[in-house]
C-alpha cells in the first residue's frame, strides 16, 4: 500500500492502459490521497519488530525479500480510499480518518497473507507471496501482527469514535473469517446454491468494505443516519467489487490481475459466476459439473472449456448485470446520506471505477 518515504510512486489501480476517462479521474482521486495515507501506514508498520515488520513490508510491496526498499507494488487500496472518501462525504477530512483507513487496510492485509497460505497461492501482485518467500509460519505470524496493529492504531488515535470503530472492525474480521471458512467448505461440496454463495461473499468481502465506509464516516463526524447509509454504500460496493473480482478470476488478463489465468477455475472455487452456471439447469451446466467435480487438475484446454461453459450458461451476463445493480444502489444510498456538496464526488467515481473493471 505504500512506497518508500522519499519516493511515493503509486501504481495505477488496474493499469493505466486499461482505464477509460472516468476511471482515470477516479484513479486521480485515489492517488491524491495515497501519498498521505501511505506515509501514515508505513509509519504504523515501522513500529513492528523487525522480524515481522520486514515480512509485512515485503507483502505490502515496500521491500524486497532482503529488506531493501523498492518502488511500490502495493495493490489497489480500495478499502482505505473508501474510508477517506466517506469521511469527506460527511464533512470530515482525509487526515482525521487516517487511523480508521489504516486499521481497515491492516486487517485486510492480515487476511490476504493468511488466504495465500490457505489457498497455496504462490503469486500476488506479480511477485512471490510472503509465505513462499519466508515460509508458512513466519508469514502467518506477520499477518497476526498486522491485525493486532490495526487495533493499536485505533487506540492510539484518541478519537472519540475509536472504540466504536474497533467494535465494527472486530465484527467485520469475524465475519470475514466465517466467510473464508464457508469458501473453503464450498470447494469440497457439489451442492452450493446462489444464496449461500452470495452470503459468503457478503461476509468475506462486503463486510470489511462496509466497515471501511462506516469507520471513515464515524471518524469524519457523521451522524447516525449518515453512518447507516454509509454502511449500505460500502456493502453494495463490496458485493460489486467481489463480483468483478470473480469475473477477473476467470476472464481477467494476468498482466493486469497479477494472478495466473483461470486461477479460480483451477482451484475449483465456487465463485458467483460458477455457482450461477452450475445451478442453471442447462446442458452447459451439466458439462461444467462433470469437469468441476472430478479429481485431478484440469489441463489448459479443459480450463478454457470450463470458462466457455460458464459464459454459455449465462453466468457472465448475470454477474455483469448484478454489478450494475449493486453500484447503482450504492450511489443511490450515497445520495440519500446527505453528503456535502463536493464530498461525495470521490465515492461516486470510485463506484464507477469498480464497475468499469469488468473484463
Protein backbone atom coordinates (compact mmCIF):
# COMPACT_ATOMS: atom_id res chain seq x y z
CA UNK A 1 0.00 0.00 0.00
CA UNK A 2 2.90 2.42 0.05
CA UNK A 3 6.24 3.30 -1.39
CA UNK A 4 9.39 4.31 0.42
CA UNK A 5 9.01 7.71 2.13
CA UNK A 6 11.09 9.65 -0.40
CA UNK A 7 9.58 8.04 -3.49
CA UNK A 8 5.82 7.75 -3.17
CA UNK A 9 5.38 6.25 -6.61
CA UNK A 10 1.84 4.90 -6.81
CA UNK A 11 0.90 2.42 -9.49
CA UNK A 12 -2.44 2.52 -11.26
CA UNK A 13 -5.23 0.60 -9.61
CA UNK A 14 -5.63 -1.78 -12.52
CA UNK A 15 -3.09 -0.50 -15.04
CA UNK A 16 -3.36 2.85 -16.82
CA UNK A 17 -3.76 1.27 -20.25
CA UNK A 18 -7.00 -0.36 -19.12
CA UNK A 19 -8.73 2.76 -17.79
CA UNK A 20 -11.28 4.94 -19.54
CA UNK A 21 -11.51 8.68 -18.93
CA UNK A 22 -13.86 8.41 -15.95
CA UNK A 23 -11.81 5.61 -14.43
CA UNK A 24 -8.68 7.73 -14.86
CA UNK A 25 -10.39 10.52 -12.94
CA UNK A 26 -11.17 8.03 -10.20
CA UNK A 27 -7.54 6.96 -10.21
CA UNK A 28 -6.52 10.61 -9.76
CA UNK A 29 -8.84 10.81 -6.73
CA UNK A 30 -7.18 7.72 -5.25
CA UNK A 31 -3.63 8.85 -5.91
CA UNK A 32 -4.30 12.28 -4.42
CA UNK A 33 -5.00 10.56 -1.10
CA UNK A 34 -2.46 7.77 -1.36
CA UNK A 35 0.62 9.82 -0.57
CA UNK A 36 -0.74 10.96 2.81
CA UNK A 37 -2.22 7.56 3.61
CA UNK A 38 0.88 5.62 2.57
CA UNK A 39 3.11 7.66 4.85
CA UNK A 40 0.73 7.13 7.77
CA UNK A 41 0.52 3.38 7.15
CA UNK A 42 4.25 2.97 6.71
CA UNK A 43 4.90 4.82 9.96
CA UNK A 44 2.50 2.48 11.75
CA UNK A 45 4.11 -0.67 10.33
CA UNK A 46 7.55 0.70 11.25
CA UNK A 47 6.59 0.24 14.91
CA UNK A 48 6.52 -3.56 14.47
CA UNK A 49 9.54 -5.65 15.48
CA UNK A 50 11.87 -6.19 12.53
CA UNK A 51 11.23 -9.94 12.47
CA UNK A 52 7.62 -9.41 11.42
CA UNK A 53 7.88 -5.88 10.06
CA UNK A 54 10.23 -7.00 7.27
CA UNK A 55 7.74 -9.64 6.11
CA UNK A 56 4.86 -7.18 6.37
CA UNK A 57 6.83 -4.63 4.35
CA UNK A 58 7.52 -7.24 1.68
CA UNK A 59 3.86 -8.25 1.50
CA UNK A 60 2.76 -4.61 1.35
CA UNK A 61 5.09 -4.02 -1.59
CA UNK A 62 7.62 -1.66 0.02
CA UNK A 63 10.56 -4.06 0.48
CA UNK A 64 12.25 -6.87 -1.38
CA UNK A 65 12.93 -10.24 0.23
CA UNK A 66 16.19 -8.88 1.68
CA UNK A 67 14.52 -5.92 3.36
CA UNK A 68 15.66 -3.31 0.82
CA UNK A 69 13.28 -0.56 -0.29
CA UNK A 70 11.67 -0.95 -3.70
CA UNK A 71 9.30 1.10 -5.82
CA UNK A 72 5.85 0.25 -4.50
CA UNK A 73 3.87 -2.62 -5.97
CA UNK A 74 1.19 -2.40 -3.38
CA UNK A 75 -2.27 -3.18 -4.61
CA UNK A 76 -5.46 -1.22 -5.14
CA UNK A 77 -6.01 0.36 -1.69
CA UNK A 78 -9.75 0.41 -2.34
CA UNK A 79 -10.73 -0.05 1.30
CA UNK A 80 -8.70 2.79 2.84
CA UNK A 81 -9.73 5.05 -0.04
CA UNK A 82 -13.37 4.28 0.76
CA UNK A 83 -12.77 5.24 4.39
CA UNK A 84 -11.12 8.53 3.50
CA UNK A 85 -13.77 9.42 0.93
CA UNK A 86 -16.58 8.53 3.34
CA UNK A 87 -15.09 10.95 5.86
CA UNK A 88 -15.08 13.68 3.23
CA UNK A 89 -18.65 12.86 2.23
CA UNK A 90 -19.93 13.59 5.75
CA UNK A 91 -17.92 16.80 6.05
CA UNK A 92 -14.73 15.43 7.60
CA UNK A 93 -11.21 15.42 6.20
CA UNK A 94 -8.76 12.89 4.84
CA UNK A 95 -6.39 13.45 7.75
CA UNK A 96 -8.91 12.83 10.54
CA UNK A 97 -9.88 9.45 9.05
CA UNK A 98 -6.34 8.13 8.54
CA UNK A 99 -6.39 5.84 11.62
CA UNK A 100 -9.69 4.28 10.53
CA UNK A 101 -8.42 3.80 6.98
CA UNK A 102 -5.15 2.27 8.19
CA UNK A 103 -6.91 -0.11 10.59
CA UNK A 104 -9.13 -1.47 7.84
CA UNK A 105 -6.20 -1.86 5.46
CA UNK A 106 -4.07 -3.63 8.07
CA UNK A 107 -6.91 -6.05 8.80
CA UNK A 108 -7.38 -6.63 5.08
CA UNK A 109 -3.72 -7.47 4.59
CA UNK A 110 -3.79 -9.82 7.58
CA UNK A 111 -6.47 -11.72 5.67
CA UNK A 112 -4.53 -11.66 2.39
CA UNK A 113 -1.40 -13.17 3.93
CA UNK A 114 -3.47 -15.92 5.54
CA UNK A 115 -5.52 -16.50 2.37
CA UNK A 116 -2.36 -17.00 0.34
CA UNK A 117 -1.22 -19.64 2.82
CA UNK A 118 -4.61 -21.39 2.89
CA UNK A 119 -5.00 -21.39 -0.90
CA UNK A 120 -1.37 -22.22 -1.59
CA UNK A 121 -1.12 -19.22 -3.91
CA UNK A 122 2.45 -18.52 -4.92
CA UNK A 123 1.90 -15.19 -6.68
CA UNK A 124 0.34 -11.90 -5.60
CA UNK A 125 0.80 -8.52 -7.27
CA UNK A 126 3.16 -10.01 -9.85
CA UNK A 127 5.68 -11.45 -7.38
CA UNK A 128 6.02 -14.39 -4.95
CA UNK A 129 3.69 -14.39 -1.95
CA UNK A 130 5.06 -13.82 1.55
CA UNK A 131 4.71 -17.44 2.66
CA UNK A 132 6.51 -18.74 -0.44
CA UNK A 133 9.47 -16.45 0.35
CA UNK A 134 9.65 -16.54 4.15
CA UNK A 135 7.84 -19.78 4.97
CA UNK A 136 4.35 -20.51 6.22
CA UNK A 137 4.99 -20.00 9.93
CA UNK A 138 6.70 -16.63 9.63
CA UNK A 139 4.08 -15.37 7.15
CA UNK A 140 1.20 -16.35 9.44
CA UNK A 141 2.84 -14.60 12.39
CA UNK A 142 3.37 -11.44 10.31
CA UNK A 143 -0.30 -11.50 9.34
CA UNK A 144 -1.27 -11.81 13.00
CA UNK A 145 0.93 -8.82 13.82
CA UNK A 146 -0.86 -6.70 11.19
CA UNK A 147 -4.24 -7.48 12.73
CA UNK A 148 -3.01 -6.62 16.22
CA UNK A 149 -1.52 -3.40 14.87
CA UNK A 150 -4.89 -2.43 13.37
CA UNK A 151 -6.43 -2.20 16.83
CA UNK A 152 -3.35 -0.48 18.20
CA UNK A 153 -3.64 2.25 15.57
CA UNK A 154 -7.26 2.87 16.52
CA UNK A 155 -6.46 3.00 20.23
CA UNK A 156 -3.54 5.38 19.70
CA UNK A 157 -5.68 7.78 17.67
CA UNK A 158 -7.53 9.05 20.74
CA UNK A 159 -10.56 9.71 18.54
CA UNK A 160 -13.93 9.63 20.28
CA UNK A 161 -15.17 7.07 17.72
CA UNK A 162 -12.16 4.75 18.12
CA UNK A 163 -13.88 2.24 20.41
CA UNK A 164 -16.99 2.13 18.21
CA UNK A 165 -14.86 1.56 15.11
CA UNK A 166 -12.82 -1.13 16.87
CA UNK A 167 -16.07 -2.96 17.60
CA UNK A 168 -17.12 -2.62 13.96
CA UNK A 169 -13.75 -3.90 12.77
CA UNK A 170 -13.87 -6.86 15.13
CA UNK A 171 -17.29 -7.86 13.80
CA UNK A 172 -16.10 -7.46 10.22
CA UNK A 173 -12.99 -9.59 10.76
CA UNK A 174 -15.00 -12.32 12.50
CA UNK A 175 -17.42 -12.26 9.57
CA UNK A 176 -14.51 -12.39 7.16
CA UNK A 177 -13.18 -15.49 8.92
CA UNK A 178 -16.61 -17.10 8.71
CA UNK A 179 -16.75 -16.28 5.00
CA UNK A 180 -13.32 -17.80 4.44
CA UNK A 181 -14.43 -20.95 6.22
CA UNK A 182 -17.52 -21.15 4.02
CA UNK A 183 -15.43 -20.57 0.90
CA UNK A 184 -13.18 -23.50 1.82
CA UNK A 185 -16.14 -25.75 2.52
CA UNK A 186 -17.65 -24.88 -0.86
CA UNK A 187 -14.60 -26.34 -2.62
CA UNK A 188 -15.49 -29.74 -1.11
CA UNK A 189 -19.20 -29.54 -1.94
CA UNK A 190 -21.16 -30.03 -5.14
CA UNK A 191 -24.46 -28.60 -3.85
CA UNK A 192 -23.68 -24.92 -3.22
CA UNK A 193 -26.60 -22.66 -4.14
CA UNK A 194 -26.54 -18.99 -5.08
CA UNK A 195 -27.91 -17.68 -1.78
CA UNK A 196 -25.13 -19.47 0.10
CA UNK A 197 -22.55 -18.14 -2.33
CA UNK A 198 -23.72 -14.53 -2.02
CA UNK A 199 -23.86 -14.88 1.77
CA UNK A 200 -20.23 -15.98 1.72
CA UNK A 201 -19.30 -13.01 -0.48
CA UNK A 202 -21.03 -10.65 1.93
CA UNK A 203 -19.02 -12.00 4.85
CA UNK A 204 -15.67 -12.45 3.15
CA UNK A 205 -15.56 -9.18 1.20
CA UNK A 206 -18.51 -6.84 1.68
CA UNK A 207 -18.38 -6.66 5.49
CA UNK A 208 -14.89 -5.18 5.57
CA UNK A 209 -15.70 -2.71 2.79
CA UNK A 210 -18.84 -1.72 4.62
CA UNK A 211 -16.75 -1.28 7.75
CA UNK A 212 -14.35 0.94 5.78
CA UNK A 213 -17.11 3.34 4.75
CA UNK A 214 -18.79 3.40 8.14
CA UNK A 215 -15.49 3.81 10.02
CA UNK A 216 -14.36 6.67 7.80
CA UNK A 217 -17.70 8.40 8.23
CA UNK A 218 -17.55 7.90 12.01
CA UNK A 219 -14.09 9.47 12.22
CA UNK A 220 -15.31 12.23 9.91
CA UNK A 221 -18.09 13.17 12.33
CA UNK A 222 -21.08 11.67 10.55
CA UNK A 223 -24.39 11.33 12.39
CA UNK A 224 -26.25 8.03 12.99
CA UNK A 225 -28.36 8.30 9.85
CA UNK A 226 -25.29 9.02 7.73
CA UNK A 227 -23.42 6.08 9.23
CA UNK A 228 -26.34 3.80 8.41
CA UNK A 229 -26.35 4.95 4.79
CA UNK A 230 -22.57 4.64 4.54
CA UNK A 231 -22.81 1.08 5.82
CA UNK A 232 -25.14 0.33 2.91
CA UNK A 233 -22.88 2.15 0.43
CA UNK A 234 -19.93 0.03 1.49
CA UNK A 235 -21.94 -3.20 1.47
CA UNK A 236 -23.18 -2.71 -2.09
CA UNK A 237 -19.78 -1.58 -3.37
CA UNK A 238 -18.17 -4.54 -1.61
CA UNK A 239 -20.51 -7.02 -3.24
CA UNK A 240 -19.96 -5.39 -6.63
CA UNK A 241 -16.19 -5.39 -6.10
CA UNK A 242 -16.16 -9.13 -5.36
CA UNK A 243 -18.34 -9.98 -8.35
CA UNK A 244 -15.94 -8.04 -10.57
CA UNK A 245 -13.07 -9.92 -8.96
CA UNK A 246 -14.89 -13.18 -9.71
CA UNK A 247 -15.13 -12.19 -13.36
CA UNK A 248 -11.43 -11.30 -13.40
CA UNK A 249 -10.59 -14.65 -11.79
CA UNK A 250 -11.96 -16.35 -14.90
CA UNK A 251 -11.54 -13.89 -17.76
CA UNK A 252 -9.01 -11.37 -16.41
CA UNK A 253 -5.68 -10.61 -18.02
CA UNK A 254 -2.86 -11.96 -15.80
CA UNK A 255 -0.76 -8.92 -16.72
CA UNK A 256 -3.40 -6.79 -15.01
CA UNK A 257 -4.62 -9.06 -12.19
CA UNK A 258 -1.22 -10.44 -11.16
CA UNK A 259 -2.73 -13.93 -10.94
CA UNK A 260 -2.42 -16.93 -13.30
CA UNK A 261 -5.12 -17.21 -15.97
CA UNK A 262 -8.14 -19.28 -14.86
CA UNK A 263 -6.72 -19.42 -11.33
CA UNK A 264 -10.18 -19.64 -9.71
CA UNK A 265 -11.21 -22.47 -12.02
CA UNK A 266 -8.07 -24.50 -11.40
CA UNK A 267 -8.67 -24.33 -7.64
CA UNK A 268 -12.38 -25.22 -8.15
CA UNK A 269 -13.59 -22.09 -6.37
CA UNK A 270 -17.36 -21.74 -6.15
CA UNK A 271 -17.43 -18.08 -7.15
CA UNK A 272 -20.73 -16.46 -8.10
CA UNK A 273 -20.39 -16.96 -11.88
CA UNK A 274 -19.50 -20.62 -11.34
CA UNK A 275 -22.43 -21.24 -8.99
CA UNK A 276 -24.86 -19.44 -11.32
CA UNK A 277 -23.63 -21.64 -14.18
CA UNK A 278 -23.71 -24.88 -12.17
CA UNK A 279 -27.27 -24.24 -10.99
CA UNK A 280 -28.63 -23.01 -14.35
CA UNK A 281 -30.09 -26.38 -15.37
CA UNK A 282 -28.60 -26.07 -18.84
CA UNK A 283 -26.59 -28.50 -20.94
CA UNK A 284 -23.60 -26.25 -20.30
CA UNK A 285 -24.09 -26.59 -16.52
CA UNK A 286 -24.07 -30.38 -16.73
CA UNK A 287 -20.86 -30.46 -18.75
CA UNK A 288 -19.29 -27.92 -16.40
CA UNK A 289 -20.24 -30.05 -13.38
CA UNK A 290 -18.51 -33.07 -14.89
CA UNK A 291 -15.32 -31.04 -15.24
CA UNK A 292 -15.55 -29.20 -11.94
CA UNK A 293 -16.31 -32.13 -9.67
CA UNK A 294 -13.78 -34.66 -10.89
CA UNK A 295 -10.45 -35.40 -9.24
CA UNK A 296 -7.13 -34.09 -10.53
CA UNK A 297 -6.02 -30.84 -12.11
CA UNK A 298 -7.66 -29.55 -15.25
CA UNK A 299 -5.43 -29.14 -18.27
CA UNK A 300 -5.29 -25.84 -20.15
CA UNK A 301 -7.83 -26.92 -22.74
CA UNK A 302 -10.26 -28.02 -20.03
CA UNK A 303 -9.89 -24.70 -18.24
CA UNK A 304 -10.67 -22.87 -21.47
CA UNK A 305 -13.70 -25.10 -21.96
CA UNK A 306 -14.90 -24.50 -18.39
CA UNK A 307 -14.78 -20.73 -18.94
CA UNK A 308 -16.73 -21.14 -22.20
CA UNK A 309 -19.38 -23.24 -20.44
CA UNK A 310 -19.82 -20.66 -17.68
CA UNK A 311 -20.42 -18.00 -20.31
CA UNK A 312 -22.77 -20.21 -22.34
CA UNK A 313 -24.82 -20.89 -19.20
CA UNK A 314 -25.49 -17.13 -18.96
CA UNK A 315 -23.45 -16.66 -15.79
CA UNK A 316 -21.16 -13.98 -17.17
CA UNK A 317 -24.09 -11.83 -18.29
CA UNK A 318 -25.85 -12.38 -14.94
CA UNK A 319 -22.79 -11.32 -12.97
CA UNK A 320 -22.22 -8.22 -15.09
CA UNK A 321 -25.87 -7.20 -14.63
CA UNK A 322 -25.61 -7.66 -10.86
CA UNK A 323 -22.56 -5.41 -10.74
CA UNK A 324 -24.55 -2.66 -12.45
CA UNK A 325 -27.44 -3.04 -9.99
CA UNK A 326 -25.19 -3.06 -6.91
CA UNK A 327 -23.19 0.01 -7.92
CA UNK A 328 -26.42 1.89 -8.70
CA UNK A 329 -27.80 1.01 -5.26
CA UNK A 330 -24.60 2.17 -3.59
CA UNK A 331 -24.73 5.52 -5.39
CA UNK A 332 -28.41 5.93 -4.51
CA UNK A 333 -27.60 5.35 -0.83
CA UNK A 334 -24.77 7.83 -1.09
CA UNK A 335 -27.15 10.49 -2.37
CA UNK A 336 -29.58 9.71 0.46
CA UNK A 337 -26.85 10.15 3.09
CA UNK A 338 -26.98 13.92 2.70
CA UNK A 339 -23.36 14.27 1.62
CA UNK A 340 -21.51 17.54 1.43
CA UNK A 341 -21.68 19.31 -1.91
CA UNK A 342 -18.29 18.13 -3.14
CA UNK A 343 -17.52 15.42 -0.64
CA UNK A 344 -19.38 12.59 -2.33
CA UNK A 345 -17.78 13.05 -5.76
CA UNK A 346 -14.87 10.77 -4.93
CA UNK A 347 -17.09 7.88 -3.79
CA UNK A 348 -19.19 8.21 -6.93
CA UNK A 349 -16.09 7.95 -9.07
CA UNK A 350 -14.82 5.01 -7.04
CA UNK A 351 -18.10 3.17 -7.55
CA UNK A 352 -17.91 3.74 -11.27
CA UNK A 353 -14.28 2.60 -11.28
CA UNK A 354 -15.27 -0.70 -9.68
CA UNK A 355 -17.96 -1.14 -12.32
CA UNK A 356 -15.57 -0.31 -15.15
CA UNK A 357 -13.06 -3.05 -14.31
CA UNK A 358 -15.19 -5.90 -15.65
CA UNK A 359 -13.17 -7.87 -18.25
